[in-house]
């Protein structure tokens, strides 16, 4: 039982409950075994520089929960009958979408009956994320967080730093300013789009211009723009970036890279009104795959991360207590829209 690095004097969680949570966590992780003796109240107090009252209160709570038993004249032992609860996971998404649902359901399926997952949305707001974390510290085995923030990212960062590294999983992207050794399954947004477009260069070469539709109302990583521009410059493509398709005249011999489904729909509607043939007169590459894009307009070419894989990998890492950083696969899927 190691407490020195696990008791946070600044936390809103009382110290005695932090001790309780640490003991239960060690049982779940196999550090403490059933029937194993734990240090006495005095020994624990002296060993970890905690007041005797704090340890006495913690041990009282542990007895109440059936975690430890006292044997007269011998000390305290981990109860043989104490049952470890299911793994508890707090999942914090920036928004709910078709893609996020794919991650969520893949994670649930991979975890099976071994875990309970509580899903919350922080809406790109670091303050909301901070509140959700502060309210839940010590209550979950794992905290799985998508760190996409448009405001108060500093608040989210400080809250995330309070989560023990071994209990944190960053999902979809790295958290700028966080240097802890936690698990992470991430996209490299700049490199991913550049490499995916490169793999489809043979299809894109029949177009004289590439246009990225980068929406102003919906938040996407700016690295996507950088990756698109780098690809175009390296391959000498004429290119530009627009913020919306509304009232945009569809240009012939232009391939559009579209992030939002609403812009994808608008492009197809306007092209039909202009009598343009998709895949011949102009092209479309959509960001993030869905079943609908496989059949829409005889098939929309997509560049996409594997969302199900992201959820499955996160579940696998939690079940096996891994703390690696893994880049999630990102591919181009060829269909008729190019």
Protein backbone atom coordinates (compact mmCIF):
# COMPACT_ATOMS: atom_id res chain seq x y z
CA UNK A 1 0.00 0.00 0.00
CA UNK A 2 1.58 3.26 -1.16
CA UNK A 3 -0.06 6.57 -0.23
CA UNK A 4 2.61 9.27 -0.41
CA UNK A 5 1.91 10.27 -4.02
CA UNK A 6 -1.83 9.63 -3.88
CA UNK A 7 -3.05 11.99 -1.19
CA UNK A 8 -3.77 15.45 -2.56
CA UNK A 9 -4.07 18.06 0.17
CA UNK A 10 -5.69 20.51 -2.28
CA UNK A 11 -8.41 18.09 -3.38
CA UNK A 12 -12.05 18.62 -2.46
CA UNK A 13 -12.17 14.93 -1.50
CA UNK A 14 -11.48 14.45 2.26
CA UNK A 15 -8.14 12.82 2.99
CA UNK A 16 -9.71 9.84 4.73
CA UNK A 17 -11.76 9.07 1.61
CA UNK A 18 -8.63 9.36 -0.53
CA UNK A 19 -7.08 6.68 1.72
CA UNK A 20 -10.20 4.52 1.32
CA UNK A 21 -10.12 4.91 -2.46
CA UNK A 22 -6.39 4.08 -2.58
CA UNK A 23 -6.87 0.85 -0.61
CA UNK A 24 -9.79 -0.28 -2.80
CA UNK A 25 -7.83 0.64 -5.95
CA UNK A 26 -4.89 -1.48 -4.76
CA UNK A 27 -7.22 -4.44 -4.21
CA UNK A 28 -8.68 -4.02 -7.70
CA UNK A 29 -5.18 -3.80 -9.19
CA UNK A 30 -3.97 -6.86 -7.30
CA UNK A 31 -1.45 -4.91 -5.20
CA UNK A 32 -3.30 -5.94 -2.04
CA UNK A 33 -4.51 -9.54 -1.78
CA UNK A 34 -7.45 -10.94 0.15
CA UNK A 35 -6.32 -12.08 3.58
CA UNK A 36 -3.25 -9.81 3.47
CA UNK A 37 -2.42 -7.82 6.60
CA UNK A 38 -2.49 -4.05 6.25
CA UNK A 39 -0.43 -1.72 8.48
CA UNK A 40 -2.00 -0.63 11.75
CA UNK A 41 -3.47 2.84 12.22
CA UNK A 42 -0.34 4.03 14.00
CA UNK A 43 1.99 2.44 11.43
CA UNK A 44 0.10 3.99 8.51
CA UNK A 45 -0.06 7.39 10.21
CA UNK A 46 3.70 7.45 10.84
CA UNK A 47 4.65 5.92 7.49
CA UNK A 48 2.71 8.41 5.34
CA UNK A 49 2.75 11.52 7.58
CA UNK A 50 -1.03 11.54 7.97
CA UNK A 51 -2.87 12.29 11.18
CA UNK A 52 -4.01 9.37 13.30
CA UNK A 53 -7.60 10.71 13.14
CA UNK A 54 -7.52 10.59 9.32
CA UNK A 55 -6.34 6.97 9.24
CA UNK A 56 -8.71 5.91 12.02
CA UNK A 57 -11.64 7.42 10.10
CA UNK A 58 -10.48 5.72 6.87
CA UNK A 59 -10.18 2.32 8.54
CA UNK A 60 -13.60 2.74 10.12
CA UNK A 61 -15.06 3.40 6.66
CA UNK A 62 -13.19 0.40 5.21
CA UNK A 63 -14.63 -1.85 7.94
CA UNK A 64 -18.11 -0.45 7.29
CA UNK A 65 -17.79 -1.34 3.60
CA UNK A 66 -16.50 -4.81 4.40
CA UNK A 67 -13.11 -4.15 2.86
CA UNK A 68 -11.05 -4.96 5.98
CA UNK A 69 -11.57 -7.03 9.11
CA UNK A 70 -9.97 -6.55 12.51
CA UNK A 71 -8.53 -9.60 14.24
CA UNK A 72 -8.04 -9.02 17.97
CA UNK A 73 -4.39 -8.99 18.91
CA UNK A 74 -3.23 -9.38 15.29
CA UNK A 75 -4.32 -6.32 13.35
CA UNK A 76 -6.32 -5.55 10.20
CA UNK A 77 -6.63 -7.78 7.14
CA UNK A 78 -8.18 -7.49 3.70
CA UNK A 79 -11.50 -9.30 3.88
CA UNK A 80 -11.75 -12.65 2.09
CA UNK A 81 -15.36 -11.88 1.19
CA UNK A 82 -14.86 -8.38 -0.22
CA UNK A 83 -16.05 -8.27 -3.82
CA UNK A 84 -14.44 -5.91 -6.28
CA UNK A 85 -17.08 -3.90 -8.10
CA UNK A 86 -17.27 -3.64 -11.86
CA UNK A 87 -14.80 -1.29 -13.49
CA UNK A 88 -16.27 2.22 -13.43
CA UNK A 89 -15.44 4.48 -16.38
CA UNK A 90 -16.19 8.18 -16.77
CA UNK A 91 -16.30 9.06 -20.47
CA UNK A 92 -16.16 12.76 -21.37
CA UNK A 93 -16.90 13.69 -25.01
CA UNK A 94 -16.72 17.17 -26.50
CA UNK A 95 -19.95 16.54 -28.42
CA UNK A 96 -22.28 13.73 -29.40
CA UNK A 97 -22.25 12.75 -33.08
CA UNK A 98 -22.49 9.70 -35.29
CA UNK A 99 -18.73 9.24 -34.98
CA UNK A 100 -18.66 9.65 -31.20
CA UNK A 101 -21.48 7.13 -30.88
CA UNK A 102 -19.41 4.65 -32.88
CA UNK A 103 -16.52 5.09 -30.42
CA UNK A 104 -18.88 4.78 -27.45
CA UNK A 105 -20.69 1.65 -28.58
CA UNK A 106 -17.46 -0.06 -29.65
CA UNK A 107 -16.00 0.63 -26.21
CA UNK A 108 -19.10 -0.69 -24.46
CA UNK A 109 -19.08 -3.87 -26.52
CA UNK A 110 -15.36 -4.47 -25.94
CA UNK A 111 -15.68 -3.91 -22.17
CA UNK A 112 -18.75 -6.15 -21.96
CA UNK A 113 -20.21 -6.86 -18.54
CA UNK A 114 -16.93 -6.05 -16.82
CA UNK A 115 -17.55 -2.30 -16.68
CA UNK A 116 -20.07 0.48 -16.23
CA UNK A 117 -19.53 3.56 -18.42
CA UNK A 118 -21.00 6.97 -17.54
CA UNK A 119 -21.07 9.31 -20.55
CA UNK A 120 -21.05 13.10 -20.21
CA UNK A 121 -20.58 15.94 -22.74
CA UNK A 122 -18.38 18.97 -21.99
CA UNK A 123 -19.37 20.91 -25.16
CA UNK A 124 -15.78 22.08 -25.87
CA UNK A 125 -15.91 24.02 -22.58
CA UNK A 126 -12.98 23.45 -20.24
CA UNK A 127 -14.90 24.82 -17.26
CA UNK A 128 -17.63 22.22 -17.69
CA UNK A 129 -14.96 19.54 -18.02
CA UNK A 130 -13.28 20.79 -14.85
CA UNK A 131 -16.54 20.58 -12.90
CA UNK A 132 -17.28 17.07 -14.14
CA UNK A 133 -13.81 15.88 -13.14
CA UNK A 134 -13.82 17.61 -9.74
CA UNK A 135 -17.19 16.05 -8.88
CA UNK A 136 -16.02 12.57 -9.85
CA UNK A 137 -12.45 12.35 -8.50
CA UNK A 138 -11.95 9.09 -6.67
CA UNK A 139 -15.24 7.59 -7.88
CA UNK A 140 -14.00 5.93 -11.10
CA UNK A 141 -11.36 3.43 -12.10
CA UNK A 142 -10.77 5.25 -15.40
CA UNK A 143 -11.36 8.71 -16.82
CA UNK A 144 -11.56 8.69 -20.63
CA UNK A 145 -11.48 12.22 -22.01
CA UNK A 146 -11.63 13.81 -25.47
CA UNK A 147 -9.65 17.03 -24.83
CA UNK A 148 -11.17 19.23 -27.54
CA UNK A 149 -11.71 22.69 -26.02
CA UNK A 150 -12.57 26.08 -27.48
CA UNK A 151 -12.59 27.92 -24.16
CA UNK A 152 -11.15 27.50 -20.65
CA UNK A 153 -8.73 24.81 -21.77
CA UNK A 154 -6.47 25.85 -18.87
CA UNK A 155 -9.21 24.90 -16.40
CA UNK A 156 -9.59 21.49 -18.01
CA UNK A 157 -5.82 20.94 -17.99
CA UNK A 158 -5.50 21.66 -14.27
CA UNK A 159 -8.37 19.29 -13.50
CA UNK A 160 -6.96 16.55 -15.74
CA UNK A 161 -3.62 16.81 -13.92
CA UNK A 162 -5.40 15.79 -10.69
CA UNK A 163 -6.38 12.43 -12.19
CA UNK A 164 -3.84 9.70 -11.39
CA UNK A 165 -1.87 8.98 -14.57
CA UNK A 166 -2.68 5.27 -14.44
CA UNK A 167 -6.41 6.07 -14.44
CA UNK A 168 -6.41 8.56 -17.35
CA UNK A 169 -7.05 7.76 -21.02
CA UNK A 170 -6.86 10.62 -23.53
CA UNK A 171 -8.94 9.95 -26.59
CA UNK A 172 -8.78 11.38 -30.13
CA UNK A 173 -6.03 13.96 -29.51
CA UNK A 174 -3.23 14.94 -27.15
CA UNK A 175 -3.82 17.50 -24.41
CA UNK A 176 -1.50 20.45 -24.91
CA UNK A 177 0.47 21.10 -21.74
CA UNK A 178 -0.12 17.65 -20.23
CA UNK A 179 3.11 15.71 -19.74
CA UNK A 180 1.91 12.78 -17.66
CA UNK A 181 2.45 9.16 -18.66
CA UNK A 182 -1.16 8.17 -19.27
CA UNK A 183 -2.76 5.99 -21.93
CA UNK A 184 -3.73 7.75 -25.17
CA UNK A 185 -5.36 6.77 -28.45
CA UNK A 186 -5.01 9.74 -30.73
CA UNK A 187 -5.28 11.13 -34.24
CA UNK A 188 -2.43 13.10 -35.75
CA UNK A 189 -4.79 15.44 -37.60
CA UNK A 190 -2.17 17.24 -39.69
CA UNK A 191 -0.26 14.15 -40.78
CA UNK A 192 -3.39 12.01 -41.18
CA UNK A 193 -5.12 14.22 -43.75
CA UNK A 194 -1.86 14.85 -45.60
CA UNK A 195 -1.07 11.14 -45.91
CA UNK A 196 -4.65 10.18 -46.75
CA UNK A 197 -4.85 12.73 -49.58
CA UNK A 198 -1.42 11.59 -50.79
CA UNK A 199 -2.73 8.03 -51.07
CA UNK A 200 -5.49 9.33 -53.36
CA UNK A 201 -3.30 11.63 -55.44
CA UNK A 202 -3.95 9.56 -58.58
CA UNK A 203 -7.66 10.38 -58.28
CA UNK A 204 -7.15 14.02 -57.34
CA UNK A 205 -4.82 14.73 -60.25
CA UNK A 206 -7.71 15.01 -62.71
CA UNK A 207 -8.90 18.14 -60.88
CA UNK A 208 -7.32 21.56 -61.36
CA UNK A 209 -8.22 22.89 -57.91
CA UNK A 210 -8.72 21.52 -54.39
CA UNK A 211 -11.04 23.34 -52.00
CA UNK A 212 -11.30 22.66 -48.28
CA UNK A 213 -14.68 23.52 -46.76
CA UNK A 214 -13.65 24.40 -43.20
CA UNK A 215 -16.81 25.42 -41.29
CA UNK A 216 -16.85 28.44 -39.03
CA UNK A 217 -19.81 27.32 -36.91
CA UNK A 218 -18.40 23.90 -35.95
CA UNK A 219 -15.05 23.41 -34.20
CA UNK A 220 -12.48 21.25 -35.98
CA UNK A 221 -8.74 21.03 -35.21
CA UNK A 222 -6.79 23.69 -37.07
CA UNK A 223 -4.19 20.99 -37.85
CA UNK A 224 -6.58 19.73 -40.54
CA UNK A 225 -6.09 22.99 -42.43
CA UNK A 226 -2.30 22.75 -42.05
CA UNK A 227 -2.23 19.19 -43.34
CA UNK A 228 -4.42 20.09 -46.33
CA UNK A 229 -2.24 23.07 -47.23
CA UNK A 230 0.96 21.05 -46.87
CA UNK A 231 -0.34 18.34 -49.20
CA UNK A 232 -1.39 20.89 -51.82
CA UNK A 233 1.93 22.76 -51.70
CA UNK A 234 4.04 19.60 -51.86
CA UNK A 235 2.09 18.40 -54.89
CA UNK A 236 1.65 21.80 -56.60
CA UNK A 237 -2.16 21.79 -56.39
CA UNK A 238 -4.02 25.06 -56.77
CA UNK A 239 -6.08 25.27 -53.60
CA UNK A 240 -8.23 27.45 -51.42
CA UNK A 241 -10.27 27.33 -48.23
CA UNK A 242 -13.88 28.41 -47.85
CA UNK A 243 -15.93 28.58 -44.63
CA UNK A 244 -19.33 27.61 -46.02
CA UNK A 245 -21.01 26.21 -49.10
CA UNK A 246 -24.10 28.40 -48.83
CA UNK A 247 -24.56 30.31 -52.10
CA UNK A 248 -21.25 28.95 -53.36
CA UNK A 249 -21.18 28.27 -57.08
CA UNK A 250 -19.84 24.77 -57.63
CA UNK A 251 -16.72 25.03 -59.78
CA UNK A 252 -15.98 22.45 -62.45
CA UNK A 253 -12.70 20.55 -62.23
CA UNK A 254 -12.61 21.22 -58.49
CA UNK A 255 -12.42 18.55 -55.79
CA UNK A 256 -13.97 19.58 -52.47
CA UNK A 257 -12.73 18.25 -49.13
CA UNK A 258 -15.78 18.53 -46.87
CA UNK A 259 -15.79 18.19 -43.08
CA UNK A 260 -19.46 18.74 -42.21
CA UNK A 261 -22.32 16.57 -43.49
CA UNK A 262 -24.53 19.65 -43.94
CA UNK A 263 -21.94 21.05 -46.39
CA UNK A 264 -21.77 17.68 -48.14
CA UNK A 265 -25.54 17.71 -48.62
CA UNK A 266 -25.48 21.31 -49.87
CA UNK A 267 -22.72 20.54 -52.39
CA UNK A 268 -24.68 17.63 -53.86
CA UNK A 269 -27.90 19.69 -54.05
CA UNK A 270 -26.18 22.62 -55.78
CA UNK A 271 -24.30 20.41 -58.21
CA UNK A 272 -27.55 18.80 -59.33
CA UNK A 273 -29.12 22.21 -59.80
CA UNK A 274 -26.15 23.16 -61.99
CA UNK A 275 -26.32 19.89 -63.92
CA UNK A 276 -22.86 18.75 -62.84
CA UNK A 277 -21.94 15.08 -62.59
CA UNK A 278 -20.22 14.06 -59.36
CA UNK A 279 -16.98 12.19 -59.98
CA UNK A 280 -16.63 13.65 -63.47
CA UNK A 281 -17.27 17.40 -63.51
CA UNK A 282 -16.25 17.86 -59.88
CA UNK A 283 -15.24 15.69 -56.95
CA UNK A 284 -15.90 15.28 -53.23
CA UNK A 285 -13.84 13.84 -50.41
CA UNK A 286 -15.79 13.72 -47.13
CA UNK A 287 -14.28 13.66 -43.65
CA UNK A 288 -15.29 10.74 -41.36
CA UNK A 289 -17.10 7.73 -42.76
CA UNK A 290 -20.70 6.71 -42.05
CA UNK A 291 -22.87 3.93 -43.53
CA UNK A 292 -24.88 6.59 -45.38
CA UNK A 293 -21.81 7.82 -47.30
CA UNK A 294 -21.28 4.34 -48.66
CA UNK A 295 -24.57 4.57 -50.61
CA UNK A 296 -25.13 8.33 -51.01
CA UNK A 297 -24.72 9.47 -54.65
CA UNK A 298 -23.37 6.01 -55.58
CA UNK A 299 -20.70 6.28 -52.90
CA UNK A 300 -18.80 9.19 -51.33
CA UNK A 301 -15.01 8.92 -51.09
CA UNK A 302 -13.97 9.51 -47.49
CA UNK A 303 -10.88 10.10 -45.38
CA UNK A 304 -11.57 8.77 -41.95
CA UNK A 305 -10.17 7.50 -38.70
CA UNK A 306 -11.46 4.10 -37.60
CA UNK A 307 -13.84 5.12 -34.84
CA UNK A 308 -14.75 1.60 -33.77
CA UNK A 309 -11.04 0.78 -33.51
CA UNK A 310 -10.55 3.76 -31.22
CA UNK A 311 -13.21 2.54 -28.82
CA UNK A 312 -11.96 -1.05 -28.93
CA UNK A 313 -8.36 0.02 -28.28
CA UNK A 314 -9.37 2.18 -25.31
CA UNK A 315 -11.26 -0.74 -23.79
CA UNK A 316 -8.35 -3.12 -24.35
CA UNK A 317 -5.90 -0.70 -22.71
CA UNK A 318 -8.12 -0.28 -19.65
CA UNK A 319 -8.70 -4.02 -19.26
CA UNK A 320 -4.96 -4.70 -19.48
CA UNK A 321 -3.82 -1.61 -17.51
CA UNK A 322 -1.74 -0.32 -20.41
CA UNK A 323 -0.32 3.21 -20.50
CA UNK A 324 0.95 3.46 -24.06
CA UNK A 325 0.26 6.16 -26.64
CA UNK A 326 -1.26 4.67 -29.79
CA UNK A 327 -2.01 6.46 -33.05
CA UNK A 328 -5.41 5.41 -34.36
CA UNK A 329 -5.57 4.24 -38.02
CA UNK A 330 -6.64 6.84 -40.60
CA UNK A 331 -7.39 5.85 -44.18
CA UNK A 332 -8.81 6.96 -47.51
CA UNK A 333 -11.74 4.87 -48.75
CA UNK A 334 -12.17 5.11 -52.50
CA UNK A 335 -15.67 5.48 -53.91
CA UNK A 336 -17.33 7.06 -56.92
CA UNK A 337 -17.33 10.72 -55.83
CA UNK A 338 -13.77 11.17 -57.16
